[in-house]
Amino acid sequence: MKKSIRTLCSLVVLVSASAFASDLKVGDNAPNFSLQATTGDFYQLSDYQGKQAVVLAWYPMANTRGCTIECKSLTEQGHLIREYDVSYVMASVDPLDDNRAFAKKTGADFPMLSDPTKQAAKAYQVLNMFNVASRVTFYISKEGKILKIDDDVTPKSAAQDIANNLSVLGIAKK
């Protein structure tokens, strides 16, 4: 019995790790998307091309513990990110109404995008075995190129970590 449990756990770890494997690499063009935000507006990556870098933070599911902690980090310490010439958004495959309620509950002062068709999540290769987005943050240049893919996001320090990464990546301050 213990051997079966160990085998099952090993398989889960292997499958979970493969959820983060991505054909997208630093230097690739970031896939364009058109997703509706909690504000009702639609956001397209192509709208930022030539204008501003973008941080796209995928999260698994609204109203879950880790996602709430990450969202609150970006809300409470968003000033650290806003020092840079960058737009930042969080995105999930949740329905828009779920994300609206989540944004209201957490006081999110930035766009939270909904991808209920999962097309953008598939393009970014973040769907995991549970058919929700993995917690992965993409840093995208003004030119639309992927600068960094962070699949080791710490929800509690997400805002500080994003600001640190923007500094390391040489994103200009405002």
N, C-alpha and C. Protein backbone atom coordinates (compact mmCIF):
# COMPACT_ATOMS: atom_id res chain seq x y z
N MET A 1 0.82 -1.20 0.00
CA MET A 1 0.00 0.00 0.00
C MET A 1 0.86 1.26 0.00
N LYS A 2 1.90 1.30 0.88
CA LYS A 2 2.77 2.46 0.94
C LYS A 2 3.50 2.66 -0.38
N LYS A 3 3.88 1.56 -1.02
CA LYS A 3 4.56 1.65 -2.30
C LYS A 3 3.63 2.25 -3.35
N SER A 4 2.36 1.89 -3.33
CA SER A 4 1.38 2.43 -4.28
C SER A 4 1.19 3.93 -4.07
N ILE A 5 1.15 4.34 -2.81
CA ILE A 5 0.98 5.76 -2.49
C ILE A 5 2.21 6.54 -2.95
N ARG A 6 3.41 5.98 -2.69
CA ARG A 6 4.63 6.65 -3.14
C ARG A 6 4.67 6.77 -4.65
N THR A 7 4.26 5.73 -5.33
CA THR A 7 4.24 5.76 -6.80
C THR A 7 3.26 6.81 -7.29
N LEU A 8 2.09 6.85 -6.68
CA LEU A 8 1.08 7.84 -7.07
C LEU A 8 1.59 9.25 -6.81
N CYS A 9 2.21 9.48 -5.66
CA CYS A 9 2.76 10.81 -5.34
C CYS A 9 3.86 11.19 -6.33
N SER A 10 4.71 10.25 -6.69
CA SER A 10 5.76 10.52 -7.67
C SER A 10 5.16 10.90 -9.01
N LEU A 11 4.10 10.20 -9.40
CA LEU A 11 3.43 10.50 -10.67
C LEU A 11 2.82 11.90 -10.64
N VAL A 12 2.18 12.26 -9.52
CA VAL A 12 1.58 13.59 -9.39
C VAL A 12 2.65 14.66 -9.50
N VAL A 13 3.79 14.46 -8.83
CA VAL A 13 4.88 15.43 -8.89
C VAL A 13 5.40 15.55 -10.32
N LEU A 14 5.55 14.42 -11.00
CA LEU A 14 6.04 14.43 -12.38
C LEU A 14 5.07 15.16 -13.29
N VAL A 15 3.78 14.88 -13.17
CA VAL A 15 2.77 15.53 -14.00
C VAL A 15 2.70 17.02 -13.67
N SER A 16 2.77 17.35 -12.38
CA SER A 16 2.74 18.77 -11.98
C SER A 16 3.93 19.52 -12.53
N ALA A 17 5.10 18.91 -12.46
CA ALA A 17 6.30 19.56 -12.99
C ALA A 17 6.16 19.78 -14.49
N SER A 18 5.55 18.84 -15.18
CA SER A 18 5.41 19.00 -16.62
C SER A 18 4.42 20.11 -16.96
N ALA A 19 3.56 20.48 -16.02
CA ALA A 19 2.62 21.58 -16.25
C ALA A 19 3.38 22.89 -16.43
N PHE A 20 4.59 22.98 -15.85
CA PHE A 20 5.37 24.19 -15.96
C PHE A 20 6.29 24.16 -17.18
N ALA A 21 6.46 22.97 -17.78
CA ALA A 21 7.29 22.89 -18.97
C ALA A 21 6.62 23.69 -20.08
N SER A 22 7.38 24.51 -20.73
CA SER A 22 6.78 25.38 -21.72
C SER A 22 7.68 25.47 -22.94
N ASP A 23 7.07 25.53 -24.10
CA ASP A 23 7.83 25.78 -25.31
C ASP A 23 8.16 27.25 -25.43
N LEU A 24 7.45 28.11 -24.70
CA LEU A 24 7.74 29.53 -24.69
C LEU A 24 9.04 29.75 -23.94
N LYS A 25 9.89 30.58 -24.53
CA LYS A 25 11.19 30.85 -23.93
C LYS A 25 11.44 32.35 -23.90
N VAL A 26 12.37 32.75 -23.07
CA VAL A 26 12.82 34.13 -23.05
C VAL A 26 13.30 34.49 -24.45
N GLY A 27 12.87 35.64 -24.93
CA GLY A 27 13.23 36.09 -26.28
C GLY A 27 12.15 35.83 -27.31
N ASP A 28 11.21 34.93 -27.00
CA ASP A 28 10.09 34.66 -27.91
C ASP A 28 9.11 35.83 -27.89
N ASN A 29 8.35 35.95 -28.97
CA ASN A 29 7.23 36.89 -28.97
C ASN A 29 6.17 36.36 -28.01
N ALA A 30 5.68 37.21 -27.15
CA ALA A 30 4.61 36.81 -26.24
C ALA A 30 3.32 36.68 -27.04
N PRO A 31 2.53 35.64 -26.79
CA PRO A 31 1.26 35.50 -27.50
C PRO A 31 0.33 36.68 -27.20
N ASN A 32 -0.31 37.19 -28.23
CA ASN A 32 -1.27 38.26 -28.03
C ASN A 32 -2.51 37.68 -27.35
N PHE A 33 -3.23 38.50 -26.66
CA PHE A 33 -4.48 38.08 -26.04
C PHE A 33 -5.44 39.24 -26.06
N SER A 34 -6.71 38.95 -25.96
CA SER A 34 -7.75 39.95 -25.78
C SER A 34 -8.68 39.38 -24.71
N LEU A 35 -8.54 39.91 -23.50
CA LEU A 35 -9.29 39.38 -22.36
C LEU A 35 -10.03 40.50 -21.65
N GLN A 36 -11.20 40.17 -21.14
CA GLN A 36 -12.00 41.16 -20.43
C GLN A 36 -11.55 41.26 -18.97
N ALA A 37 -11.47 42.50 -18.52
CA ALA A 37 -11.06 42.76 -17.14
C ALA A 37 -12.27 42.95 -16.25
N THR A 38 -12.03 42.96 -14.98
CA THR A 38 -13.08 43.14 -13.99
C THR A 38 -13.77 44.49 -14.14
N THR A 39 -13.12 45.43 -14.81
CA THR A 39 -13.70 46.75 -15.07
C THR A 39 -14.68 46.73 -16.24
N GLY A 40 -14.69 45.64 -17.00
CA GLY A 40 -15.51 45.54 -18.20
C GLY A 40 -14.73 45.83 -19.46
N ASP A 41 -13.56 46.48 -19.32
CA ASP A 41 -12.72 46.79 -20.47
C ASP A 41 -12.03 45.53 -20.97
N PHE A 42 -11.67 45.56 -22.26
CA PHE A 42 -10.88 44.47 -22.83
C PHE A 42 -9.43 44.92 -22.92
N TYR A 43 -8.53 44.02 -22.60
CA TYR A 43 -7.10 44.29 -22.66
C TYR A 43 -6.49 43.38 -23.71
N GLN A 44 -5.66 44.00 -24.56
CA GLN A 44 -4.91 43.26 -25.57
C GLN A 44 -3.44 43.57 -25.38
N LEU A 45 -2.62 42.55 -25.42
CA LEU A 45 -1.18 42.77 -25.29
C LEU A 45 -0.68 43.69 -26.39
N SER A 46 -1.22 43.53 -27.58
CA SER A 46 -0.75 44.33 -28.72
C SER A 46 -0.98 45.83 -28.51
N ASP A 47 -1.91 46.21 -27.65
CA ASP A 47 -2.15 47.63 -27.36
C ASP A 47 -0.96 48.29 -26.65
N TYR A 48 -0.11 47.49 -26.02
CA TYR A 48 1.03 48.01 -25.27
C TYR A 48 2.31 48.02 -26.09
N GLN A 49 2.30 47.33 -27.24
CA GLN A 49 3.51 47.21 -28.04
C GLN A 49 4.03 48.58 -28.45
N GLY A 50 5.32 48.78 -28.20
CA GLY A 50 5.96 50.05 -28.51
C GLY A 50 5.70 51.13 -27.48
N LYS A 51 4.88 50.83 -26.47
CA LYS A 51 4.50 51.84 -25.48
C LYS A 51 4.98 51.52 -24.07
N GLN A 52 4.76 50.27 -23.64
CA GLN A 52 5.01 49.96 -22.24
C GLN A 52 5.24 48.46 -22.06
N ALA A 53 6.12 48.12 -21.13
CA ALA A 53 6.31 46.72 -20.76
C ALA A 53 5.07 46.24 -20.01
N VAL A 54 4.88 44.93 -19.96
CA VAL A 54 3.70 44.34 -19.31
C VAL A 54 4.14 43.19 -18.40
N VAL A 55 3.53 43.12 -17.23
CA VAL A 55 3.68 41.97 -16.34
C VAL A 55 2.34 41.26 -16.33
N LEU A 56 2.34 40.01 -16.75
CA LEU A 56 1.13 39.19 -16.81
C LEU A 56 1.28 38.07 -15.78
N ALA A 57 0.55 38.19 -14.68
CA ALA A 57 0.65 37.24 -13.58
C ALA A 57 -0.56 36.29 -13.61
N TRP A 58 -0.34 35.07 -14.06
CA TRP A 58 -1.41 34.05 -14.07
C TRP A 58 -1.57 33.49 -12.66
N TYR A 59 -2.81 33.25 -12.27
CA TYR A 59 -3.07 32.65 -10.97
C TYR A 59 -4.14 31.57 -11.13
N PRO A 60 -4.13 30.56 -10.25
CA PRO A 60 -5.02 29.41 -10.42
C PRO A 60 -6.51 29.70 -10.29
N MET A 61 -6.94 30.31 -9.17
CA MET A 61 -8.38 30.40 -8.95
C MET A 61 -8.72 31.48 -7.93
N ALA A 62 -9.69 32.30 -8.28
CA ALA A 62 -10.15 33.35 -7.39
C ALA A 62 -10.62 32.76 -6.06
N ASN A 63 -10.40 33.54 -5.01
CA ASN A 63 -10.89 33.21 -3.67
C ASN A 63 -10.23 32.00 -3.02
N THR A 64 -9.09 31.58 -3.55
CA THR A 64 -8.34 30.53 -2.88
C THR A 64 -7.24 31.21 -2.06
N ARG A 65 -6.70 30.50 -1.12
CA ARG A 65 -5.77 31.09 -0.15
C ARG A 65 -4.57 31.75 -0.82
N GLY A 66 -3.82 31.00 -1.63
CA GLY A 66 -2.61 31.53 -2.26
C GLY A 66 -2.90 32.69 -3.19
N CYS A 67 -3.98 32.59 -3.93
CA CYS A 67 -4.34 33.66 -4.88
C CYS A 67 -4.77 34.92 -4.14
N THR A 68 -5.46 34.75 -3.03
CA THR A 68 -5.85 35.90 -2.22
C THR A 68 -4.61 36.58 -1.66
N ILE A 69 -3.67 35.82 -1.18
CA ILE A 69 -2.43 36.38 -0.64
C ILE A 69 -1.66 37.13 -1.73
N GLU A 70 -1.57 36.53 -2.92
CA GLU A 70 -0.86 37.18 -4.03
C GLU A 70 -1.56 38.48 -4.44
N CYS A 71 -2.86 38.44 -4.57
CA CYS A 71 -3.62 39.62 -4.97
C CYS A 71 -3.47 40.74 -3.94
N LYS A 72 -3.52 40.39 -2.68
CA LYS A 72 -3.37 41.40 -1.63
C LYS A 72 -1.96 41.99 -1.64
N SER A 73 -0.96 41.18 -1.96
CA SER A 73 0.40 41.69 -2.08
C SER A 73 0.47 42.75 -3.17
N LEU A 74 -0.12 42.44 -4.33
CA LEU A 74 -0.10 43.39 -5.45
C LEU A 74 -0.93 44.64 -5.15
N THR A 75 -1.97 44.48 -4.34
CA THR A 75 -2.80 45.62 -3.97
C THR A 75 -2.10 46.49 -2.93
N GLU A 76 -1.61 45.86 -1.89
CA GLU A 76 -1.02 46.61 -0.77
C GLU A 76 0.36 47.18 -1.09
N GLN A 77 1.10 46.52 -2.00
CA GLN A 77 2.44 47.00 -2.32
C GLN A 77 2.60 47.30 -3.81
N GLY A 78 1.50 47.56 -4.47
CA GLY A 78 1.53 47.88 -5.90
C GLY A 78 2.35 49.11 -6.22
N HIS A 79 2.50 50.01 -5.25
CA HIS A 79 3.32 51.21 -5.47
C HIS A 79 4.75 50.86 -5.87
N LEU A 80 5.24 49.72 -5.41
CA LEU A 80 6.59 49.29 -5.78
C LEU A 80 6.68 48.99 -7.27
N ILE A 81 5.61 48.42 -7.82
CA ILE A 81 5.56 48.09 -9.26
C ILE A 81 5.31 49.35 -10.07
N ARG A 82 4.43 50.20 -9.58
CA ARG A 82 4.05 51.41 -10.31
C ARG A 82 5.20 52.42 -10.44
N GLU A 83 6.31 52.19 -9.74
CA GLU A 83 7.49 53.03 -9.92
C GLU A 83 8.10 52.83 -11.31
N TYR A 84 7.76 51.71 -11.94
CA TYR A 84 8.33 51.34 -13.24
C TYR A 84 7.36 51.66 -14.37
N ASP A 85 7.90 51.83 -15.56
CA ASP A 85 7.09 52.09 -16.75
C ASP A 85 6.55 50.75 -17.25
N VAL A 86 5.54 50.26 -16.54
CA VAL A 86 5.00 48.94 -16.81
C VAL A 86 3.52 48.91 -16.44
N SER A 87 2.77 48.12 -17.17
CA SER A 87 1.40 47.80 -16.78
C SER A 87 1.41 46.39 -16.23
N TYR A 88 0.64 46.15 -15.18
CA TYR A 88 0.59 44.80 -14.63
C TYR A 88 -0.85 44.37 -14.44
N VAL A 89 -1.07 43.10 -14.71
CA VAL A 89 -2.40 42.51 -14.59
C VAL A 89 -2.26 41.11 -14.00
N MET A 90 -3.34 40.65 -13.40
CA MET A 90 -3.44 39.25 -13.00
C MET A 90 -4.48 38.62 -13.93
N ALA A 91 -4.31 37.34 -14.24
CA ALA A 91 -5.22 36.65 -15.14
C ALA A 91 -5.47 35.23 -14.65
N SER A 92 -6.71 34.78 -14.86
CA SER A 92 -7.08 33.40 -14.53
C SER A 92 -8.11 32.93 -15.54
N VAL A 93 -8.45 31.66 -15.46
CA VAL A 93 -9.48 31.10 -16.33
C VAL A 93 -10.85 31.16 -15.67
N ASP A 94 -10.93 31.87 -14.56
CA ASP A 94 -12.21 32.04 -13.85
C ASP A 94 -13.19 32.85 -14.70
N PRO A 95 -14.49 32.61 -14.52
CA PRO A 95 -15.48 33.48 -15.17
C PRO A 95 -15.35 34.92 -14.67
N LEU A 96 -15.74 35.86 -15.50
CA LEU A 96 -15.60 37.28 -15.18
C LEU A 96 -16.28 37.64 -13.85
N ASP A 97 -17.48 37.12 -13.60
CA ASP A 97 -18.18 37.45 -12.36
C ASP A 97 -17.41 36.98 -11.13
N ASP A 98 -16.76 35.82 -11.21
CA ASP A 98 -15.94 35.34 -10.09
C ASP A 98 -14.78 36.28 -9.84
N ASN A 99 -14.14 36.72 -10.93
CA ASN A 99 -13.01 37.65 -10.78
C ASN A 99 -13.47 39.01 -10.27
N ARG A 100 -14.65 39.46 -10.70
CA ARG A 100 -15.18 40.74 -10.19
C ARG A 100 -15.37 40.67 -8.67
N ALA A 101 -15.98 39.61 -8.21
CA ALA A 101 -16.20 39.44 -6.77
C ALA A 101 -14.86 39.36 -6.03
N PHE A 102 -13.90 38.66 -6.63
CA PHE A 102 -12.57 38.50 -6.03
C PHE A 102 -11.86 39.86 -5.97
N ALA A 103 -11.94 40.63 -7.04
CA ALA A 103 -11.31 41.95 -7.07
C ALA A 103 -11.91 42.86 -6.01
N LYS A 104 -13.22 42.80 -5.87
CA LYS A 104 -13.90 43.64 -4.87
C LYS A 104 -13.48 43.21 -3.47
N LYS A 105 -13.46 41.91 -3.22
CA LYS A 105 -13.12 41.37 -1.90
C LYS A 105 -11.69 41.74 -1.50
N THR A 106 -10.77 41.73 -2.46
CA THR A 106 -9.36 41.99 -2.15
C THR A 106 -8.97 43.46 -2.33
N GLY A 107 -9.88 44.28 -2.87
CA GLY A 107 -9.57 45.68 -3.10
C GLY A 107 -8.59 45.89 -4.25
N ALA A 108 -8.55 44.96 -5.18
CA ALA A 108 -7.59 45.04 -6.30
C ALA A 108 -7.73 46.38 -7.02
N ASP A 109 -6.61 47.07 -7.18
CA ASP A 109 -6.61 48.36 -7.85
C ASP A 109 -5.87 48.27 -9.20
N PHE A 110 -5.91 47.11 -9.78
CA PHE A 110 -5.28 46.83 -11.07
C PHE A 110 -6.20 45.88 -11.82
N PRO A 111 -6.05 45.76 -13.14
CA PRO A 111 -6.94 44.88 -13.90
C PRO A 111 -6.74 43.40 -13.58
N MET A 112 -7.85 42.71 -13.41
CA MET A 112 -7.84 41.25 -13.27
C MET A 112 -8.59 40.71 -14.48
N LEU A 113 -7.88 39.93 -15.27
CA LEU A 113 -8.41 39.46 -16.54
C LEU A 113 -9.00 38.07 -16.43
N SER A 114 -10.07 37.83 -17.18
CA SER A 114 -10.74 36.52 -17.20
C SER A 114 -10.54 35.86 -18.56
N ASP A 115 -10.19 34.59 -18.52
CA ASP A 115 -9.98 33.79 -19.72
C ASP A 115 -10.80 32.51 -19.62
N PRO A 116 -12.14 32.62 -19.58
CA PRO A 116 -12.96 31.42 -19.40
C PRO A 116 -12.88 30.42 -20.56
N THR A 117 -12.49 30.89 -21.75
CA THR A 117 -12.33 29.96 -22.88
C THR A 117 -10.99 29.22 -22.81
N LYS A 118 -10.10 29.72 -21.99
CA LYS A 118 -8.77 29.14 -21.76
C LYS A 118 -7.85 29.26 -22.97
N GLN A 119 -8.23 30.05 -23.96
CA GLN A 119 -7.39 30.19 -25.16
C GLN A 119 -6.06 30.88 -24.85
N ALA A 120 -6.10 31.97 -24.09
CA ALA A 120 -4.86 32.66 -23.75
C ALA A 120 -4.00 31.79 -22.82
N ALA A 121 -4.63 31.13 -21.86
CA ALA A 121 -3.88 30.25 -20.96
C ALA A 121 -3.19 29.13 -21.74
N LYS A 122 -3.86 28.61 -22.76
CA LYS A 122 -3.23 27.59 -23.61
C LYS A 122 -2.08 28.19 -24.40
N ALA A 123 -2.26 29.39 -24.93
CA ALA A 123 -1.20 30.05 -25.70
C ALA A 123 0.03 30.30 -24.82
N TYR A 124 -0.20 30.63 -23.55
CA TYR A 124 0.90 30.86 -22.62
C TYR A 124 1.36 29.56 -21.95
N GLN A 125 0.69 28.47 -22.28
CA GLN A 125 1.05 27.13 -21.80
C GLN A 125 1.09 27.06 -20.27
N VAL A 126 0.08 27.65 -19.64
CA VAL A 126 0.02 27.65 -18.18
C VAL A 126 -1.07 26.74 -17.61
N LEU A 127 -1.89 26.12 -18.49
CA LEU A 127 -2.93 25.22 -17.97
C LEU A 127 -2.27 24.00 -17.34
N ASN A 128 -2.73 23.64 -16.16
CA ASN A 128 -2.16 22.47 -15.49
C ASN A 128 -3.13 21.29 -15.55
N MET A 129 -2.80 20.23 -14.86
CA MET A 129 -3.60 19.01 -14.94
C MET A 129 -4.99 19.18 -14.33
N PHE A 130 -5.20 20.26 -13.55
CA PHE A 130 -6.51 20.54 -12.98
C PHE A 130 -7.32 21.46 -13.88
N ASN A 131 -6.77 21.78 -15.06
CA ASN A 131 -7.42 22.62 -16.06
C ASN A 131 -7.64 24.06 -15.59
N VAL A 132 -6.76 24.51 -14.68
CA VAL A 132 -6.70 25.91 -14.27
C VAL A 132 -5.28 26.39 -14.55
N ALA A 133 -5.08 27.69 -14.50
CA ALA A 133 -3.75 28.23 -14.77
C ALA A 133 -2.81 27.94 -13.60
N SER A 134 -1.58 27.65 -13.93
CA SER A 134 -0.54 27.55 -12.91
C SER A 134 -0.12 28.97 -12.55
N ARG A 135 0.48 29.12 -11.40
CA ARG A 135 0.93 30.43 -10.94
C ARG A 135 2.26 30.74 -11.64
N VAL A 136 2.17 31.48 -12.73
CA VAL A 136 3.35 31.83 -13.54
C VAL A 136 3.23 33.30 -13.93
N THR A 137 4.33 34.04 -13.78
CA THR A 137 4.36 35.45 -14.14
C THR A 137 5.28 35.65 -15.34
N PHE A 138 4.73 36.34 -16.36
CA PHE A 138 5.49 36.66 -17.57
C PHE A 138 5.83 38.13 -17.56
N TYR A 139 7.08 38.44 -17.88
CA TYR A 139 7.56 39.80 -18.02
C TYR A 139 7.78 40.01 -19.52
N ILE A 140 7.08 40.99 -20.07
CA ILE A 140 7.04 41.19 -21.52
C ILE A 140 7.54 42.60 -21.84
N SER A 141 8.46 42.71 -22.78
CA SER A 141 9.05 44.00 -23.15
C SER A 141 8.08 44.85 -23.95
N LYS A 142 8.43 46.13 -24.13
CA LYS A 142 7.65 47.03 -24.98
C LYS A 142 7.52 46.47 -26.39
N GLU A 143 8.51 45.72 -26.80
CA GLU A 143 8.52 45.15 -28.15
C GLU A 143 7.70 43.86 -28.24
N GLY A 144 7.15 43.41 -27.11
CA GLY A 144 6.33 42.21 -27.10
C GLY A 144 7.12 40.92 -26.94
N LYS A 145 8.37 41.03 -26.52
CA LYS A 145 9.22 39.85 -26.32
C LYS A 145 9.18 39.42 -24.85
N ILE A 146 9.22 38.13 -24.63
CA ILE A 146 9.26 37.60 -23.27
C ILE A 146 10.65 37.85 -22.69
N LEU A 147 10.69 38.59 -21.59
CA LEU A 147 11.95 38.90 -20.90
C LEU A 147 12.26 37.90 -19.81
N LYS A 148 11.21 37.39 -19.17
CA LYS A 148 11.39 36.44 -18.05
C LYS A 148 10.09 35.67 -17.85
N ILE A 149 10.24 34.40 -17.50
CA ILE A 149 9.11 33.55 -17.12
C ILE A 149 9.40 33.07 -15.70
N ASP A 150 8.58 33.51 -14.77
CA ASP A 150 8.79 33.15 -13.36
C ASP A 150 7.72 32.15 -12.94
N ASP A 151 8.14 30.89 -12.78
CA ASP A 151 7.20 29.85 -12.34
C ASP A 151 7.45 29.45 -10.89
N ASP A 152 8.17 30.31 -10.17
CA ASP A 152 8.45 30.08 -8.75
C ASP A 152 7.98 31.31 -7.96
N VAL A 153 6.70 31.62 -8.11
CA VAL A 153 6.12 32.82 -7.51
C VAL A 153 5.78 32.55 -6.04
N THR A 154 6.18 33.48 -5.19
CA THR A 154 5.82 33.43 -3.77
C THR A 154 4.69 34.43 -3.56
N PRO A 155 3.47 33.96 -3.31
CA PRO A 155 2.33 34.87 -3.21
C PRO A 155 2.53 36.03 -2.24
N LYS A 156 3.08 35.77 -1.06
CA LYS A 156 3.18 36.80 -0.03
C LYS A 156 4.10 37.95 -0.44
N SER A 157 5.13 37.66 -1.22
CA SER A 157 6.08 38.71 -1.62
C SER A 157 5.99 39.02 -3.11
N ALA A 158 4.87 38.73 -3.73
CA ALA A 158 4.73 38.88 -5.18
C ALA A 158 5.04 40.28 -5.66
N ALA A 159 4.52 41.31 -5.02
CA ALA A 159 4.76 42.69 -5.47
C ALA A 159 6.24 43.05 -5.37
N GLN A 160 6.85 42.75 -4.25
CA GLN A 160 8.28 43.04 -4.07
C GLN A 160 9.11 42.25 -5.09
N ASP A 161 8.76 41.00 -5.31
CA ASP A 161 9.49 40.18 -6.27
C ASP A 161 9.36 40.72 -7.69
N ILE A 162 8.15 41.17 -8.05
CA ILE A 162 7.96 41.76 -9.38
C ILE A 162 8.81 43.02 -9.52
N ALA A 163 8.79 43.88 -8.52
CA ALA A 163 9.60 45.10 -8.56
C ALA A 163 11.08 44.76 -8.68
N ASN A 164 11.55 43.78 -7.92
CA ASN A 164 12.95 43.36 -8.00
C ASN A 164 13.29 42.86 -9.40
N ASN A 165 12.39 42.05 -9.97
CA ASN A 165 12.63 41.52 -11.31
C ASN A 165 12.64 42.63 -12.35
N LEU A 166 11.75 43.61 -12.21
CA LEU A 166 11.72 44.73 -13.15
C LEU A 166 13.05 45.49 -13.10
N SER A 167 13.59 45.65 -11.91
CA SER A 167 14.87 46.34 -11.75
C SER A 167 15.98 45.54 -12.44
N VAL A 168 16.05 44.25 -12.16
CA VAL A 168 17.07 43.38 -12.75
C VAL A 168 16.95 43.36 -14.28
N LEU A 169 15.73 43.37 -14.78
CA LEU A 169 15.50 43.34 -16.23
C LEU A 169 15.77 44.68 -16.90
N GLY A 170 16.01 45.71 -16.11
CA GLY A 170 16.34 47.02 -16.66
C GLY A 170 15.15 47.80 -17.18
N ILE A 171 13.96 47.51 -16.65
CA ILE A 171 12.77 48.27 -17.04
C ILE A 171 12.90 49.67 -16.44
N ALA A 172 12.69 50.67 -17.27
CA ALA A 172 12.86 52.05 -16.83
C ALA A 172 11.86 52.43 -15.75
N LYS A 173 12.32 53.27 -14.84
CA LYS A 173 11.40 53.85 -13.86
C LYS A 173 10.70 55.03 -14.49
N LYS A 174 9.54 55.38 -13.95
CA LYS A 174 8.78 56.53 -14.46
C LYS A 174 9.45 57.82 -14.11
